[in-house]
C-alpha cells in the first residue's frame, strides 16, 4: 500500500484541469492506493473528496485570527478534514496575534499542521519565482519551534524536506544543524515530497535525474537524523511534473532506498507513518 501525502487538483472543470481522473491514471499504475489532498481552498477540497474515495484526507487552510475557531469547528465536523497548511511568512505575520491559541485549538481536535517554505534557503528550482511565497526565513523556522514548545501535542509536518537543495553531495552543516534541531522535537515530521524538484543540477526546462545515487546522501542524512518513524512519502503532483516526477519516477528513487531498510521501515514510509500523523480515513479495501 502507498499513500501519497502531497498532491493537488487544479482548475477542475476547465480544459486545462489537473483532476482526480488525471491523478487516478498515474496512481493506479504506480501502486498508489490513497492520497492526502493538499489544497488551499478547504471547502473545495472536501467537496472533491466527497466524490473521490481515493482521497483519504484533506489538508486545507484556515487563516489564524478571529474567525479561526468557527472555521475549525465547521471543517472538523467532516472526518476527511485532517489538518491545515501555513507558509512560513504566515507564521511570522500571525505570531503577534492568536497563532498559538489557534494551534492549541487545532491540537485539541487531534489535527495536524503542515508547514511550507518555513526553512531559510527553500529551493524550488531554477525557474521558480519565489516572490509570492518567499524563500523561508530564520524567523519562520523559529516560530515553528515556538509552536512545538508551546503546543507539544500538535503534530507538525515540514513539507518537501524543508526545501533543501540537492546536489548529489552530503548535506551542508547548516542543513544538518537545522534538521537536528527539528528532530529534537518528537512531534515534528519530515515529508519526503517533491524530491526531484530539489535537484540543483537541472537547467531551466530540464528533467531531474532519477538516479538513486544522486539522492542517496540526502536520504541517508534524513534517515540518520529522523529515523524510520518520522519520514514519509509524497509526490507533489502536479507541481512536480515540470521536473519529471510524475509519481512513478519519484517512486523509482525512494522505493529501492527504503526497501534496503527492511519491510517494516518501507511500510512505515509509504503509509504507516502518514496514518499516525494525519489519522486519515480508509475508504477503499486497498487502503486497509
Protein backbone atom coordinates (compact mmCIF):
# COMPACT_ATOMS: atom_id res chain seq x y z
CA UNK A 1 0.00 0.00 0.00
CA UNK A 2 1.18 3.53 -0.85
CA UNK A 3 -0.45 6.68 0.48
CA UNK A 4 0.65 9.80 -1.38
CA UNK A 5 0.52 12.53 1.24
CA UNK A 6 1.03 15.51 -1.04
CA UNK A 7 -0.81 16.25 -4.27
CA UNK A 8 -3.14 18.90 -5.65
CA UNK A 9 -6.03 19.27 -8.07
CA UNK A 10 -6.13 22.43 -10.16
CA UNK A 11 -8.67 24.19 -12.37
CA UNK A 12 -11.21 21.39 -12.01
CA UNK A 13 -13.90 21.71 -14.69
CA UNK A 14 -11.66 23.69 -17.08
CA UNK A 15 -9.96 22.30 -20.21
CA UNK A 16 -6.51 22.54 -18.60
CA UNK A 17 -7.53 20.92 -15.33
CA UNK A 18 -5.49 18.54 -13.23
CA UNK A 19 -8.32 16.46 -11.86
CA UNK A 20 -8.99 13.29 -9.86
CA UNK A 21 -9.35 11.44 -13.17
CA UNK A 22 -5.87 12.53 -14.27
CA UNK A 23 -4.36 11.58 -10.94
CA UNK A 24 -6.10 8.22 -10.77
CA UNK A 25 -4.47 7.04 -14.01
CA UNK A 26 -0.99 7.73 -12.62
CA UNK A 27 -1.78 6.44 -9.14
CA UNK A 28 -3.24 3.11 -10.21
CA UNK A 29 -0.27 2.27 -12.43
CA UNK A 30 2.16 3.18 -9.65
CA UNK A 31 0.59 1.24 -6.80
CA UNK A 32 -0.71 4.36 -5.03
CA UNK A 33 -3.90 3.39 -3.21
CA UNK A 34 -4.79 6.63 -1.46
CA UNK A 35 -3.88 10.28 -1.19
CA UNK A 36 -3.94 13.31 1.07
CA UNK A 37 -5.24 16.25 -0.97
CA UNK A 38 -3.30 19.46 -0.25
CA UNK A 39 -5.38 22.43 -1.34
CA UNK A 40 -5.63 25.96 0.00
CA UNK A 41 -9.37 26.05 -0.79
CA UNK A 42 -10.55 23.82 2.06
CA UNK A 43 -14.23 23.55 1.14
CA UNK A 44 -13.43 22.79 -2.50
CA UNK A 45 -11.03 20.07 -1.35
CA UNK A 46 -13.68 18.49 0.86
CA UNK A 47 -16.24 18.66 -1.95
CA UNK A 48 -13.82 16.85 -4.28
CA UNK A 49 -13.02 14.31 -1.58
CA UNK A 50 -16.70 13.52 -1.11
CA UNK A 51 -16.83 12.25 -4.70
CA UNK A 52 -13.39 10.57 -4.86
CA UNK A 53 -12.69 7.67 -2.45
CA UNK A 54 -9.03 7.68 -3.44
CA UNK A 55 -8.76 10.77 -1.20
CA UNK A 56 -8.30 9.58 2.39
CA UNK A 57 -7.85 13.04 3.84
CA UNK A 58 -7.69 16.77 3.16
CA UNK A 59 -5.08 19.24 4.38
CA UNK A 60 -6.50 22.71 3.76
CA UNK A 61 -6.15 26.14 5.30
CA UNK A 62 -7.80 28.20 8.00
CA UNK A 63 -6.40 31.67 8.48
CA UNK A 64 -5.24 32.39 12.01
CA UNK A 65 -7.29 35.12 13.64
CA UNK A 66 -10.79 35.96 14.90
CA UNK A 67 -12.60 33.52 12.61
CA UNK A 68 -10.30 30.56 13.19
CA UNK A 69 -12.36 28.73 15.80
CA UNK A 70 -15.62 28.91 13.85
CA UNK A 71 -13.96 27.68 10.65
CA UNK A 72 -12.21 24.92 12.55
CA UNK A 73 -15.49 23.73 14.06
CA UNK A 74 -17.13 23.69 10.64
CA UNK A 75 -14.41 21.77 8.84
CA UNK A 76 -13.51 19.42 11.70
CA UNK A 77 -17.06 18.05 11.58
CA UNK A 78 -16.00 16.32 8.35
CA UNK A 79 -13.87 13.23 9.12
CA UNK A 80 -11.89 13.77 5.90
CA UNK A 81 -10.55 17.08 7.18
CA UNK A 82 -7.17 16.15 8.66
CA UNK A 83 -5.20 19.37 9.06
CA UNK A 84 -4.08 22.73 7.69
CA UNK A 85 -1.04 24.21 5.99
CA UNK A 86 0.72 27.52 6.59
CA UNK A 87 3.58 29.23 4.81
CA UNK A 88 6.49 30.34 6.93
CA UNK A 89 5.68 34.01 6.34
CA UNK A 90 2.14 33.39 7.58
CA UNK A 91 3.53 32.11 10.87
CA UNK A 92 5.59 35.26 11.28
CA UNK A 93 2.65 37.52 10.40
CA UNK A 94 0.31 35.72 12.82
CA UNK A 95 2.75 35.32 15.73
CA UNK A 96 1.71 38.57 17.40
CA UNK A 97 -1.95 37.63 17.13
CA UNK A 98 -3.76 34.47 18.15
CA UNK A 99 -1.44 31.97 16.42
CA UNK A 100 -0.51 29.94 19.48
CA UNK A 101 -4.03 29.73 20.90
CA UNK A 102 -5.29 28.77 17.42
CA UNK A 103 -2.70 26.00 17.26
CA UNK A 104 -3.87 24.78 20.67
CA UNK A 105 -7.40 24.55 19.26
CA UNK A 106 -6.09 22.60 16.26
CA UNK A 107 -4.27 20.16 18.53
CA UNK A 108 -7.37 19.74 20.69
CA UNK A 109 -9.17 18.47 17.57
CA UNK A 110 -6.35 15.93 17.04
CA UNK A 111 -5.49 17.54 13.70
CA UNK A 112 -2.06 18.35 12.26
CA UNK A 113 -0.12 21.33 10.85
CA UNK A 114 1.76 21.20 7.54
CA UNK A 115 4.41 23.88 7.00
CA UNK A 116 5.74 25.07 3.63
CA UNK A 117 8.69 27.40 2.98
CA UNK A 118 9.46 27.71 6.64
CA UNK A 119 13.21 26.96 6.48
CA UNK A 120 15.63 29.60 5.19
CA UNK A 121 17.02 28.76 1.76
CA UNK A 122 13.98 26.94 0.34
CA UNK A 123 14.87 25.76 -3.19
CA UNK A 124 12.10 25.45 -5.76
CA UNK A 125 14.10 25.11 -8.95
CA UNK A 126 15.96 27.30 -11.45
CA UNK A 127 12.84 28.94 -12.92
CA UNK A 128 10.69 29.23 -9.81
CA UNK A 129 9.52 32.72 -8.90
CA UNK A 130 9.75 32.94 -5.13
CA UNK A 131 8.41 36.47 -4.83
CA UNK A 132 4.86 35.48 -3.86
CA UNK A 133 5.72 32.73 -1.41
CA UNK A 134 9.15 33.65 -0.10
CA UNK A 135 12.20 31.55 0.49
CA UNK A 136 11.60 30.80 4.14
CA UNK A 137 13.39 32.58 6.94
CA UNK A 138 15.06 32.21 10.29
CA UNK A 139 12.02 33.93 11.85
CA UNK A 140 9.65 31.41 10.28
CA UNK A 141 11.70 28.48 11.50
CA UNK A 142 11.99 29.89 15.00
CA UNK A 143 8.22 30.40 15.05
CA UNK A 144 7.79 26.72 14.16
CA UNK A 145 9.94 25.79 17.13
CA UNK A 146 7.91 28.10 19.40
CA UNK A 147 4.74 26.29 18.32
CA UNK A 148 6.40 22.94 19.02
CA UNK A 149 7.34 24.12 22.51
CA UNK A 150 4.03 25.76 23.41
CA UNK A 151 1.74 23.18 21.80
CA UNK A 152 3.61 19.88 22.27
CA UNK A 153 0.58 17.76 21.34
CA UNK A 154 0.35 19.29 17.85
CA UNK A 155 1.79 17.11 15.08
CA UNK A 156 3.89 19.29 12.73
CA UNK A 157 4.92 18.29 9.20
CA UNK A 158 7.72 20.03 7.31
CA UNK A 159 6.95 19.66 3.61
CA UNK A 160 9.40 18.91 0.78
CA UNK A 161 12.32 18.01 3.10
CA UNK A 162 12.27 21.64 4.21
CA UNK A 163 13.09 22.79 0.67
CA UNK A 164 16.75 21.78 0.93
CA UNK A 165 18.53 21.88 -2.43
CA UNK A 166 20.01 18.53 -3.51
CA UNK A 167 23.30 18.48 -5.42
CA UNK A 168 24.28 14.82 -5.05
CA UNK A 169 26.75 15.57 -2.26
CA UNK A 170 26.49 15.18 1.53
CA UNK A 171 24.19 17.79 3.03
CA UNK A 172 25.67 21.03 4.35
CA UNK A 173 26.45 21.60 8.00
CA UNK A 174 23.81 24.33 8.06
CA UNK A 175 21.03 21.96 6.94
CA UNK A 176 22.31 19.20 9.18
CA UNK A 177 22.01 21.55 12.15
CA UNK A 178 18.50 22.65 11.13
CA UNK A 179 17.34 19.05 10.76
CA UNK A 180 18.85 18.07 14.10
CA UNK A 181 17.07 20.94 15.79
CA UNK A 182 13.78 19.77 14.24
CA UNK A 183 14.48 16.21 15.32
CA UNK A 184 14.81 17.36 18.94
CA UNK A 185 11.03 17.83 18.89
CA UNK A 186 9.42 14.37 18.60
CA UNK A 187 6.21 15.83 17.13
CA UNK A 188 7.97 17.29 14.06
CA UNK A 189 7.96 15.05 10.96
CA UNK A 190 9.53 15.45 7.52
CA UNK A 191 7.60 14.81 4.33
CA UNK A 192 9.88 13.39 1.61
CA UNK A 193 7.84 15.02 -1.14
CA UNK A 194 8.76 16.71 -4.42
CA UNK A 195 12.20 15.16 -4.10
CA UNK A 196 13.18 15.65 -7.74
CA UNK A 197 12.13 19.29 -7.54
CA UNK A 198 15.01 19.93 -5.16
CA UNK A 199 17.70 18.81 -7.66
CA UNK A 200 20.05 21.69 -8.49
CA UNK A 201 21.75 20.02 -11.45
CA UNK A 202 18.88 20.51 -13.89
CA UNK A 203 18.70 23.59 -16.07
CA UNK A 204 15.57 25.55 -16.90
CA UNK A 205 13.06 23.22 -18.53
CA UNK A 206 15.17 20.10 -17.90
CA UNK A 207 14.12 16.93 -16.10
CA UNK A 208 15.79 15.99 -12.86
CA UNK A 209 17.83 12.81 -12.64
CA UNK A 210 16.11 9.65 -11.40
CA UNK A 211 19.37 8.00 -10.30
CA UNK A 212 19.18 6.91 -6.66
CA UNK A 213 22.87 7.54 -6.02
CA UNK A 214 22.31 11.28 -6.61
CA UNK A 215 19.72 11.45 -3.82
CA UNK A 216 21.31 8.91 -1.50
CA UNK A 217 23.42 11.37 0.57
CA UNK A 218 20.28 13.39 1.30
CA UNK A 219 18.18 10.33 2.14
CA UNK A 220 21.00 8.94 4.30
CA UNK A 221 21.11 12.17 6.31
CA UNK A 222 17.34 12.25 6.78
CA UNK A 223 17.33 8.60 7.80
CA UNK A 224 20.15 9.07 10.29
CA UNK A 225 18.60 12.18 11.86
CA UNK A 226 14.87 11.32 11.85
CA UNK A 227 14.80 7.52 11.65
CA UNK A 228 12.09 5.25 10.32
CA UNK A 229 9.22 6.73 12.32
CA UNK A 230 9.31 10.35 11.15
CA UNK A 231 9.77 10.24 7.38
CA UNK A 232 7.00 9.59 4.84
CA UNK A 233 6.19 9.81 1.14
CA UNK A 234 4.57 12.49 -1.02
CA UNK A 235 4.70 13.12 -4.77
CA UNK A 236 3.87 16.85 -5.03
CA UNK A 237 1.89 16.13 -8.21
CA UNK A 238 1.23 18.02 -10.46
CA UNK A 239 3.68 20.72 -9.31
CA UNK A 240 6.47 18.21 -9.81
CA UNK A 241 5.56 17.44 -13.43
CA UNK A 242 7.99 20.04 -14.74
CA UNK A 243 10.91 18.05 -13.30
CA UNK A 244 9.68 14.62 -14.41
CA UNK A 245 8.37 13.45 -11.06
CA UNK A 246 5.08 12.02 -12.36
CA UNK A 247 4.68 9.96 -9.18
CA UNK A 248 6.21 6.85 -10.77
CA UNK A 249 9.59 8.44 -11.47
CA UNK A 250 9.91 9.66 -7.91
CA UNK A 251 8.97 6.22 -6.63
CA UNK A 252 11.89 4.75 -8.58
CA UNK A 253 14.13 6.68 -6.20
CA UNK A 254 12.54 6.12 -2.80
CA UNK A 255 11.20 2.57 -3.28
CA UNK A 256 14.58 0.82 -3.56
CA UNK A 257 16.11 3.06 -0.91
CA UNK A 258 13.56 2.23 1.77
CA UNK A 259 13.41 -1.40 0.68
CA UNK A 260 17.05 -1.58 1.75
CA UNK A 261 15.96 -0.58 5.25
CA UNK A 262 13.65 -3.57 5.59
CA UNK A 263 9.98 -4.32 5.13
CA UNK A 264 8.78 -2.60 8.29
CA UNK A 265 10.69 0.62 7.56
CA UNK A 266 9.38 0.65 4.00
CA UNK A 267 5.81 0.09 5.20
CA UNK A 268 6.15 2.96 7.66
CA UNK A 269 7.50 5.28 4.98
CA UNK A 270 4.76 4.53 2.46
CA UNK A 271 1.70 4.50 4.73
CA UNK A 272 2.01 3.69 8.43
CA UNK A 273 3.69 6.96 9.42
CA UNK A 274 1.16 9.02 7.48
CA UNK A 275 -1.65 7.16 9.24
CA UNK A 276 -0.12 8.12 12.59
CA UNK A 277 0.34 11.76 11.57
CA UNK A 278 -2.82 12.55 9.60
CA UNK A 279 -5.05 9.83 11.07
CA UNK A 280 -6.57 9.52 7.61
CA UNK A 281 -9.76 7.62 6.87
CA UNK A 282 -9.63 4.37 4.88
CA UNK A 283 -12.40 4.38 2.29
CA UNK A 284 -11.47 1.51 0.00
CA UNK A 285 -10.37 -2.10 0.69
CA UNK A 286 -6.97 -1.26 -0.84
CA UNK A 287 -6.44 1.34 1.91
CA UNK A 288 -6.80 -1.11 4.79
